[in-house]
Amino acid sequence: MAATSRGTDEQQFVNIFVGAETGLLKGVNVAKKTWRNLNEVEAASREREIVSLCWADSQQTQVCMGLRDRTVQVYDTQKSQFTESHSFLGGEGVFKGLYRQDNVFISCTESGLLSVWDADDVRTEINVGPQIHRMRQNQQQPHLVATGGKDNDLKIWDLQSGTTEPVFKAKNVKNDWLNLMVPIWVTDVAFLPDSDKIVTCTGHHQIRVYDPKSGQRRPVLDMEFDEYPFTSMGLRFGGNEVVVGNTHGKMALMDLRGKGHMVHCYRGFAGSIRCVECHPTLPLVASCGLDRYVRIHDLEEQTSGEQGNHQGPRSSLFHLFK
């Protein structure tokens, strides 16, 4: 009896999935401030660190997690068990982006191998350049993905085009006042909904918006916050604001309209922020970092509403239930 109802109980229990450096997938109940491991503690290993999480289906009943050894495992929340395991051997380095679309995986490794593959075969491979920090999929146009990294500026790729050339390639901003090239270091990207625009954050504390339809390759908005590298960015529903987190534990809500400005700077962090995720319909943002806390902030307030500690190695990333 308990086993048959466990899946339903788990869906009610889990608000947030957290991936840890030990390879443990944790389910968090925000209201009760409790959590539990969803896989066996005996399987914990830093060689199997969870580096990427995504939904495996549109109903959000399955979670895909990409591991450091480039294994992809699928966790079924209704069955409360892992139901699939796949190994991807191409490229080098860890996954810097992982998505599942119509039973095929879209992944990008740190070395820049962008692949569309399934359990049987690799369908498409594109070399997007080295030192990749992030690959993101356009949720409204799933055939479009964006990549960026260190010395590897923003590029947009059409996986249906049949070509290995990007459909958009960003151009660096003009040289600085010493006529020196401004260094490139894209750390996160996001497609703005109901728009052709895309926003990036960088390791040089810049937030930039690009508009491929404008006819220019340089950013149409370029602003800065604080003085430390951004590590993650979450897009607020509506698409006019983003939440950015940096290596010194600062997180801020930034308005992308007009010339851009900071709306709020949130408090309560200790150590680098590893991941930021905005709720798709509510004014909430969740974050986790090196201090092993998952924090929930109201986007309209500067104080943390809920937080919970995860004993053990620091959390690396998480994903919200919608």
Foldseek 3Di string as FASTA:
>chain_A
DCQQCQLVVQVVQAFKWFWFLQRWIKGHRFVVLDIDTLDDPVSGHNQFGFQDKDAQDPVRQKIWTAGFQRKIWIAGSNNSGIDDIAHDDDDDTGWQDWDHDPQWIWTAHQQAWTWIGHRPDTDDTERQHHRWQHKAAAPVQRQWIWTFAWQRHIFICGNPPPDRDTPAGADADAADPVRHGDTGGWNDKDQQPPAQKIWTFGQQQKIFICHVVVVHRYGPEIDGDDGGGWHEKEAEAVRQWIWIWGQQGKIFIKGNPDNIDTDEIADDGHGGWQYKYYDNPAQWIWTFHQQQKIFIDRNVDRYTDTIHHDPDGGTRYMDGDD
